[in-house]
Amino acid sequence: MQKVYFDSAATTEVRPEVIAKMVSVLKEDFGNPSSIHGYGRSAKNHIEQTRKNIAKYLGVKASEIIFTSGGTEADNIVLNSAVRDLKVKHVITSKIEHHAVLHTVQEIESRTGITVSYVNINTDGTIDYEHLESLLDSSDEKSFVSLMHVNNEVGTILDIDRVGSLCKEHNALFHSDMVQSVGHFDVDLSKIHVDFTAVSAHKFHGPKGIGFAYIRKNSGLKPLIFGGEQERGYRAGTESVHNIAGMDEALRLSYEHLEEEKKYIKELKQHFIDTLKNKIEGVKFNASCNNSDQSTYTLINVCLPVPEEKAGILLFHLDINGIACSKGSACQSGSGKGSHVLTEILSDEDLQKPSVRFSFSKYNTKEEIDYTVDVIKKFIEE
């Protein structure tokens, strides 16, 4: 059976060079980075060099990079600390954010009584920028905007410059989850009015369990985790040195090969779109995922014309044929919950059909796409 991995938006295959770097650090630089002896200093050097390298890629200061266990922790730190320390009374977000933001905002709202507003979403997955401006205009309280740069389900790209300018104009704080964009796009935070970001290494061929938050200098945030002085006091606990070194190597390789890999993956995505259109009548592309100007090159989210009686077993059928991908609506699994993202943008009719996210990396091929489309076509016609 052929095995195909089209779920890189969930997690990516770790590059061999990254594994080699991590093994080397585990073997040779195993000291506690807080120790003052040579073993500790060697481990500490990996941490600080990674911090400097990340800062260089993003156009920020090294002191503004705080290592975390991943994007979810980074989002939680920023959101909770902003409300607690910066006197934020009004959070503006959208209903298609990652749950790391949505669930955190909902928990803070229930606990503190802050006001939460949701910016309107268009059917193509973009936010209503005029509505965002009106929400900022109408707010008399300290506002905090949290909108992700690249949507993890449908791939829509936020006009981050426009949102940053609006926030600056209204003296609002701006947080953007960049888990799906850093490592895949050039991101220069020195040119964007963003106060906070969240990033995960496993989205750009690095290890799981490591990421970072960008926290603008003099933001006023205070630590949530206590017990040590690690990470400038923001996050106590002995650092995961091998994971940090692995993230460093993964990000370096991602940006070193960015243009060639982007070109290759764009061609894969277009081939997938063209092949689906040619072979499967009635296929629809959710949001703007087939628009290269509005959507990331790393994924597509498709609504498939599968008969209702077979919709629930589509993902299982793909899996037993060796194809890994992600569901996009409830009818594909035993779950009673569908995609909160697709619920906001699809018609009731299309929500009854199975939607699937296919996401790509440098390790995929056109032959894998042809195989996948043939499996889908056969499933629909049987």
Protein backbone atom coordinates (compact mmCIF):
# COMPACT_ATOMS: atom_id res chain seq x y z
CA MET A 1 0.00 0.00 0.00
CA GLN A 2 1.25 3.46 -0.91
CA LYS A 3 1.68 5.83 2.05
CA VAL A 4 1.02 9.52 1.55
CA TYR A 5 1.31 12.27 4.18
CA PHE A 6 -0.83 15.31 3.39
CA ASP A 7 -1.20 16.65 6.94
CA SER A 8 1.74 19.02 7.32
CA ALA A 9 -0.50 21.77 8.72
CA ALA A 10 -0.96 19.47 11.72
CA THR A 11 2.73 18.63 12.01
CA THR A 12 5.67 18.28 9.63
CA GLU A 13 8.22 15.57 9.08
CA VAL A 14 11.40 16.46 10.96
CA ARG A 15 14.37 17.17 8.68
CA PRO A 16 17.26 14.67 9.01
CA GLU A 17 19.65 17.55 9.70
CA VAL A 18 17.47 18.63 12.62
CA ILE A 19 17.48 15.14 14.12
CA ALA A 20 21.26 14.96 13.78
CA LYS A 21 21.65 18.33 15.54
CA MET A 22 19.36 17.29 18.39
CA VAL A 23 21.15 13.97 18.91
CA SER A 24 24.50 15.76 18.97
CA VAL A 25 23.27 18.19 21.65
CA LEU A 26 21.75 15.37 23.71
CA LYS A 27 25.04 13.49 23.65
CA GLU A 28 27.55 16.30 24.04
CA ASP A 29 25.82 19.35 25.55
CA PHE A 30 23.63 17.78 28.19
CA GLY A 31 24.50 20.22 30.96
CA ASN A 32 21.94 22.35 32.76
CA PRO A 33 22.12 25.76 31.06
CA SER A 34 21.75 27.48 34.43
CA SER A 35 24.96 25.85 35.71
CA ILE A 36 28.11 27.99 35.66
CA HIS A 37 30.55 25.22 34.70
CA GLY A 38 31.61 24.37 31.17
CA TYR A 39 28.82 21.88 30.53
CA GLY A 40 26.25 24.46 31.55
CA ARG A 41 27.86 27.24 29.54
CA SER A 42 27.93 25.06 26.43
CA ALA A 43 24.21 24.30 26.78
CA LYS A 44 23.46 27.96 27.46
CA ASN A 45 25.30 28.94 24.29
CA HIS A 46 22.86 26.89 22.18
CA ILE A 47 19.93 28.72 23.76
CA GLU A 48 21.28 32.23 23.32
CA GLN A 49 22.55 31.60 19.80
CA THR A 50 19.13 30.31 18.80
CA ARG A 51 17.51 33.38 20.33
CA LYS A 52 19.81 35.63 18.31
CA ASN A 53 19.18 33.70 15.09
CA ILE A 54 15.40 33.84 15.48
CA ALA A 55 15.59 37.56 16.22
CA LYS A 56 17.63 38.10 13.06
CA TYR A 57 15.11 36.24 10.89
CA LEU A 58 12.18 38.21 12.32
CA GLY A 59 13.83 41.62 12.55
CA VAL A 60 13.48 41.95 16.32
CA LYS A 61 15.73 42.05 19.41
CA ALA A 62 16.96 38.77 20.91
CA SER A 63 15.60 39.81 24.31
CA GLU A 64 12.09 39.83 22.78
CA ILE A 65 12.14 36.07 22.04
CA ILE A 66 10.85 33.85 24.85
CA PHE A 67 11.02 30.07 24.44
CA THR A 68 7.87 28.09 25.23
CA SER A 69 6.57 24.56 24.74
CA GLY A 70 4.87 25.70 21.54
CA GLY A 71 2.28 28.02 20.06
CA THR A 72 -0.51 27.13 22.48
CA GLU A 73 1.54 28.08 25.53
CA ALA A 74 2.74 31.26 23.82
CA ASP A 75 -0.86 32.28 23.06
CA ASN A 76 -1.90 31.53 26.63
CA ILE A 77 0.96 33.49 28.17
CA VAL A 78 0.29 36.57 26.06
CA LEU A 79 -3.51 36.60 26.41
CA ASN A 80 -3.61 35.94 30.15
CA SER A 81 -0.79 38.34 30.95
CA ALA A 82 -2.23 41.12 28.79
CA VAL A 83 -5.51 41.07 30.68
CA ARG A 84 -3.83 40.74 34.07
CA ASP A 85 -0.89 43.14 33.61
CA LEU A 86 -1.83 45.60 30.87
CA LYS A 87 -5.35 46.41 32.04
CA VAL A 88 -6.95 45.10 28.85
CA LYS A 89 -10.74 45.27 29.15
CA HIS A 90 -11.76 44.55 25.56
CA VAL A 91 -10.51 41.65 23.41
CA ILE A 92 -11.29 41.64 19.69
CA THR A 93 -10.80 38.35 17.87
CA SER A 94 -12.64 36.18 15.31
CA LYS A 95 -14.58 32.94 15.47
CA ILE A 96 -12.16 31.22 13.07
CA GLU A 97 -9.08 31.52 15.29
CA HIS A 98 -7.22 28.47 16.56
CA HIS A 99 -8.70 27.10 19.77
CA ALA A 100 -5.48 28.06 21.56
CA VAL A 101 -6.81 31.61 21.25
CA LEU A 102 -10.59 31.05 21.25
CA HIS A 103 -10.74 28.79 24.29
CA THR A 104 -8.28 30.95 26.20
CA VAL A 105 -10.29 34.09 25.48
CA GLN A 106 -13.50 32.36 26.55
CA GLU A 107 -11.92 31.20 29.81
CA ILE A 108 -10.58 34.69 30.56
CA GLU A 109 -14.00 36.20 29.77
CA SER A 110 -15.78 33.84 32.16
CA ARG A 111 -13.23 34.50 34.91
CA THR A 112 -12.71 38.25 34.61
CA GLY A 113 -15.80 39.63 32.87
CA ILE A 114 -13.84 41.36 30.09
CA THR A 115 -15.70 42.34 26.93
CA VAL A 116 -15.07 40.08 23.93
CA SER A 117 -16.03 41.12 20.38
CA TYR A 118 -15.82 38.94 17.28
CA VAL A 119 -15.02 40.57 13.97
CA ASN A 120 -17.23 39.48 11.07
CA ILE A 121 -15.89 36.90 8.62
CA ASN A 122 -16.54 36.94 4.88
CA THR A 123 -17.38 33.77 2.96
CA ASP A 124 -13.89 33.75 1.45
CA GLY A 125 -12.40 33.42 4.92
CA THR A 126 -11.13 37.01 5.15
CA ILE A 127 -12.06 39.26 8.04
CA ASP A 128 -14.28 42.29 7.55
CA TYR A 129 -11.66 45.02 8.00
CA GLU A 130 -14.29 47.77 8.12
CA HIS A 131 -16.05 45.94 10.94
CA LEU A 132 -12.73 45.62 12.79
CA GLU A 133 -12.22 49.36 12.45
CA SER A 134 -15.73 50.05 13.76
CA LEU A 135 -15.10 47.79 16.78
CA LEU A 136 -11.93 49.72 17.54
CA ASP A 137 -13.68 53.06 16.99
CA SER A 138 -16.51 52.19 19.36
CA SER A 139 -14.31 50.94 22.18
CA ASP A 140 -13.59 53.30 25.06
CA GLU A 141 -11.58 50.65 26.91
CA LYS A 142 -8.04 49.32 26.48
CA SER A 143 -8.36 46.99 23.48
CA PHE A 144 -6.39 43.90 22.51
CA VAL A 145 -6.73 42.44 18.99
CA SER A 146 -5.86 38.77 18.39
CA LEU A 147 -6.03 37.61 14.76
CA MET A 148 -3.98 34.81 13.24
CA HIS A 149 -1.68 35.50 10.29
CA VAL A 150 -2.51 32.31 8.32
CA ASN A 151 -5.62 30.30 9.12
CA ASN A 152 -4.70 26.71 9.93
CA GLU A 153 -7.83 25.15 8.38
CA VAL A 154 -8.53 27.10 5.19
CA GLY A 155 -5.24 28.94 4.71
CA THR A 156 -6.57 32.50 4.41
CA ILE A 157 -3.85 35.11 4.87
CA LEU A 158 -4.55 38.10 7.09
CA ASP A 159 -3.59 41.55 5.83
CA ILE A 160 -1.35 41.91 8.85
CA ASP A 161 0.00 45.30 7.83
CA ARG A 162 -3.51 46.72 7.62
CA VAL A 163 -4.53 45.28 10.99
CA GLY A 164 -1.30 46.50 12.58
CA SER A 165 -1.90 50.00 11.27
CA LEU A 166 -5.48 50.01 12.56
CA CYS A 167 -4.31 48.89 16.00
CA LYS A 168 -1.59 51.52 16.10
CA GLU A 169 -4.08 54.21 15.05
CA HIS A 170 -6.45 53.21 17.87
CA ASN A 171 -3.74 52.59 20.48
CA ALA A 172 -4.72 48.92 20.69
CA LEU A 173 -2.39 45.99 21.37
CA PHE A 174 -2.02 43.47 18.53
CA HIS A 175 -1.30 39.76 18.93
CA SER A 176 -1.03 37.44 15.93
CA ASP A 177 -0.69 33.67 16.07
CA MET A 178 1.99 33.01 13.41
CA VAL A 179 2.19 29.25 13.82
CA GLN A 180 1.32 28.62 10.15
CA SER A 181 3.43 31.43 8.69
CA VAL A 182 6.86 31.62 10.33
CA GLY A 183 9.19 29.33 8.39
CA HIS A 184 6.92 29.52 5.33
CA PHE A 185 6.92 33.27 4.69
CA ASP A 186 9.37 36.11 5.18
CA VAL A 187 8.18 37.87 8.33
CA ASP A 188 9.82 41.18 9.26
CA LEU A 189 8.30 42.31 12.54
CA SER A 190 10.32 45.52 12.46
CA LYS A 191 7.99 46.68 9.67
CA ILE A 192 4.69 45.50 11.17
CA HIS A 193 2.96 46.93 14.21
CA VAL A 194 2.65 43.63 16.07
CA ASP A 195 3.17 43.47 19.83
CA PHE A 196 3.03 39.69 20.35
CA THR A 197 3.27 36.51 18.29
CA ALA A 198 3.23 32.74 18.85
CA VAL A 199 5.27 30.17 16.89
CA SER A 200 5.73 26.36 16.94
CA ALA A 201 8.81 24.55 15.60
CA HIS A 202 6.97 21.43 14.47
CA LYS A 203 5.20 23.38 11.74
CA PHE A 204 8.49 23.99 9.87
CA HIS A 205 10.15 20.55 10.12
CA GLY A 206 11.37 20.99 13.67
CA PRO A 207 10.62 19.03 16.86
CA LYS A 208 7.36 19.06 18.80
CA GLY A 209 7.24 20.56 22.27
CA ILE A 210 9.16 23.73 21.50
CA GLY A 211 8.23 27.16 20.18
CA PHE A 212 8.47 30.76 21.18
CA ALA A 213 6.59 33.95 21.88
CA TYR A 214 7.67 37.31 20.54
CA ILE A 215 6.95 39.88 23.24
CA ARG A 216 7.70 43.47 22.31
CA LYS A 217 10.26 45.14 24.56
CA ASN A 218 8.84 47.08 27.53
CA SER A 219 5.42 45.55 26.97
CA GLY A 220 4.78 45.35 30.70
CA LEU A 221 3.98 41.63 30.74
CA LYS A 222 4.92 39.73 33.90
CA PRO A 223 5.64 36.00 34.31
CA LEU A 224 2.91 33.37 34.70
CA ILE A 225 5.24 30.47 35.60
CA PHE A 226 7.45 30.91 38.67
CA GLY A 227 10.35 29.00 40.15
CA GLY A 228 13.42 30.28 38.35
CA GLU A 229 14.89 33.10 36.33
CA GLN A 230 14.96 31.35 32.96
CA GLU A 231 13.74 33.16 29.85
CA ARG A 232 14.25 36.64 31.28
CA GLY A 233 11.99 35.62 34.15
CA TYR A 234 8.96 35.09 31.88
CA ARG A 235 9.03 31.30 32.06
CA ALA A 236 10.68 29.42 34.89
CA GLY A 237 11.99 25.89 34.33
CA THR A 238 15.07 24.22 32.88
CA GLU A 239 15.15 24.81 29.13
CA SER A 240 14.82 21.95 26.64
CA VAL A 241 18.20 22.57 25.04
CA HIS A 242 18.08 19.86 22.38
CA ASN A 243 14.63 21.00 21.24
CA ILE A 244 15.75 24.62 21.12
CA ALA A 245 18.80 23.64 19.06
CA GLY A 246 16.56 21.56 16.77
CA MET A 247 14.23 24.51 16.26
CA ASP A 248 17.24 26.68 15.42
CA GLU A 249 18.39 24.24 12.75
CA ALA A 250 14.87 23.80 11.35
CA LEU A 251 14.29 27.53 11.02
CA ARG A 252 17.71 28.08 9.49
CA LEU A 253 17.07 25.46 6.82
CA SER A 254 13.52 26.70 6.20
CA TYR A 255 14.73 30.22 5.41
CA GLU A 256 17.86 29.06 3.60
CA HIS A 257 15.72 27.05 1.17
CA LEU A 258 12.56 29.18 1.37
CA GLU A 259 12.24 30.34 -2.22
CA GLU A 260 13.01 27.00 -3.89
CA GLU A 261 10.76 25.04 -1.53
CA LYS A 262 7.96 27.61 -1.80
CA LYS A 263 8.10 27.39 -5.61
CA TYR A 264 7.99 23.59 -5.49
CA ILE A 265 5.10 23.42 -3.00
CA LYS A 266 3.12 26.06 -4.93
CA GLU A 267 3.38 23.86 -8.01
CA LEU A 268 2.17 20.86 -5.99
CA LYS A 269 -0.82 22.81 -4.71
CA GLN A 270 -1.77 24.03 -8.17
CA HIS A 271 -1.43 20.50 -9.53
CA PHE A 272 -3.76 19.25 -6.79
CA ILE A 273 -6.32 21.96 -7.61
CA ASP A 274 -6.16 21.30 -11.36
CA THR A 275 -6.37 17.52 -10.96
CA LEU A 276 -9.37 17.75 -8.63
CA LYS A 277 -11.16 20.08 -11.05
CA ASN A 278 -10.45 17.79 -14.02
CA LYS A 279 -11.37 14.50 -12.38
CA ILE A 280 -14.07 15.25 -9.81
CA GLU A 281 -17.15 17.12 -10.96
CA GLY A 282 -18.72 19.33 -8.32
CA VAL A 283 -15.64 19.75 -6.10
CA LYS A 284 -15.55 23.08 -4.25
CA PHE A 285 -12.62 24.91 -2.67
CA ASN A 286 -13.48 26.32 0.72
CA ALA A 287 -12.82 29.97 1.56
CA SER A 288 -10.14 31.31 -0.79
CA CYS A 289 -7.79 28.34 -0.64
CA ASN A 290 -7.56 28.16 -4.45
CA ASN A 291 -6.64 31.86 -4.67
CA SER A 292 -2.86 32.22 -4.50
CA ASP A 293 -3.12 35.89 -3.51
CA GLN A 294 -5.37 35.31 -0.49
CA SER A 295 -4.29 31.87 0.72
CA THR A 296 -1.10 30.15 1.84
CA TYR A 297 0.65 27.87 -0.64
CA THR A 298 0.85 25.09 1.95
CA LEU A 299 -2.73 23.74 2.00
CA ILE A 300 -6.12 23.37 0.37
CA ASN A 301 -9.49 22.70 2.00
CA VAL A 302 -11.98 21.02 -0.32
CA CYS A 303 -15.68 20.25 -0.12
CA LEU A 304 -16.25 16.95 -1.93
CA PRO A 305 -19.43 15.76 -3.70
CA VAL A 306 -19.66 12.55 -1.70
CA PRO A 307 -23.09 10.88 -1.32
CA GLU A 308 -24.56 11.47 2.12
CA GLU A 309 -24.61 7.76 2.99
CA LYS A 310 -20.82 7.52 2.39
CA ALA A 311 -19.69 10.87 3.77
CA GLY A 312 -19.01 9.53 7.25
CA ILE A 313 -16.43 7.01 6.10
CA LEU A 314 -14.45 9.17 3.64
CA LEU A 315 -11.57 9.90 5.99
CA PHE A 316 -11.43 6.26 7.08
CA HIS A 317 -11.34 5.20 3.42
CA LEU A 318 -8.45 7.57 2.72
CA ASP A 319 -6.62 6.27 5.78
CA ILE A 320 -6.91 2.60 4.82
CA ASN A 321 -5.52 3.58 1.43
CA GLY A 322 -2.49 5.08 3.14
CA ILE A 323 -3.49 8.75 2.81
CA ALA A 324 -3.12 10.99 5.86
CA CYS A 325 -5.13 14.25 5.90
CA SER A 326 -7.53 16.14 8.18
CA LYS A 327 -11.29 16.41 8.40
CA GLY A 328 -13.11 19.66 7.88
CA SER A 329 -16.65 18.87 9.03
CA ALA A 330 -18.51 16.63 11.46
CA CYS A 331 -19.93 14.19 8.92
CA GLN A 332 -16.52 12.65 8.37
CA SER A 333 -16.18 11.21 11.85
CA GLY A 334 -18.14 10.00 14.83
CA SER A 335 -17.75 13.40 16.43
CA GLY A 336 -20.79 15.55 16.96
CA LYS A 337 -18.71 18.66 16.49
CA GLY A 338 -17.80 20.04 13.10
CA SER A 339 -15.14 22.55 12.15
CA HIS A 340 -15.78 25.88 13.87
CA VAL A 341 -14.01 27.55 10.94
CA LEU A 342 -16.16 26.00 8.21
CA THR A 343 -19.30 26.63 10.26
CA GLU A 344 -18.61 30.36 9.92
CA ILE A 345 -18.06 30.42 6.15
CA LEU A 346 -19.97 27.58 4.47
CA SER A 347 -23.65 27.32 3.57
CA ASP A 348 -25.83 24.86 5.45
CA GLU A 349 -25.93 22.70 2.31
CA ASP A 350 -22.14 22.50 1.99
CA LEU A 351 -21.74 21.82 5.71
CA GLN A 352 -23.57 18.54 5.12
CA LYS A 353 -20.86 17.44 2.68
CA PRO A 354 -17.41 16.22 3.74
CA SER A 355 -14.64 18.80 3.65
CA VAL A 356 -11.01 17.71 3.83
CA ARG A 357 -7.80 19.66 4.40
CA PHE A 358 -4.75 18.52 2.46
CA SER A 359 -1.50 20.22 3.48
CA PHE A 360 1.88 19.88 1.83
CA SER A 361 5.62 19.99 2.33
CA LYS A 362 8.85 19.60 0.36
CA TYR A 363 8.57 15.85 0.86
CA ASN A 364 5.41 15.47 -1.25
CA THR A 365 5.22 14.65 -4.97
CA LYS A 366 2.82 15.07 -7.87
CA GLU A 367 2.55 11.29 -8.07
CA GLU A 368 1.14 11.26 -4.53
CA ILE A 369 -1.44 13.84 -5.59
CA ASP A 370 -2.49 11.79 -8.63
CA TYR A 371 -2.84 8.70 -6.45
CA THR A 372 -4.92 10.57 -3.86
CA VAL A 373 -7.31 12.08 -6.40
CA ASP A 374 -7.78 8.67 -8.03
CA VAL A 375 -8.65 7.14 -4.64
CA ILE A 376 -11.20 9.92 -3.99
CA LYS A 377 -12.72 9.62 -7.47
CA LYS A 378 -13.10 5.85 -7.15
CA PHE A 379 -14.69 6.25 -3.70
CA ILE A 380 -17.26 8.73 -5.03
CA GLU A 381 -18.14 6.57 -8.05
CA GLU A 382 -18.35 3.18 -6.34
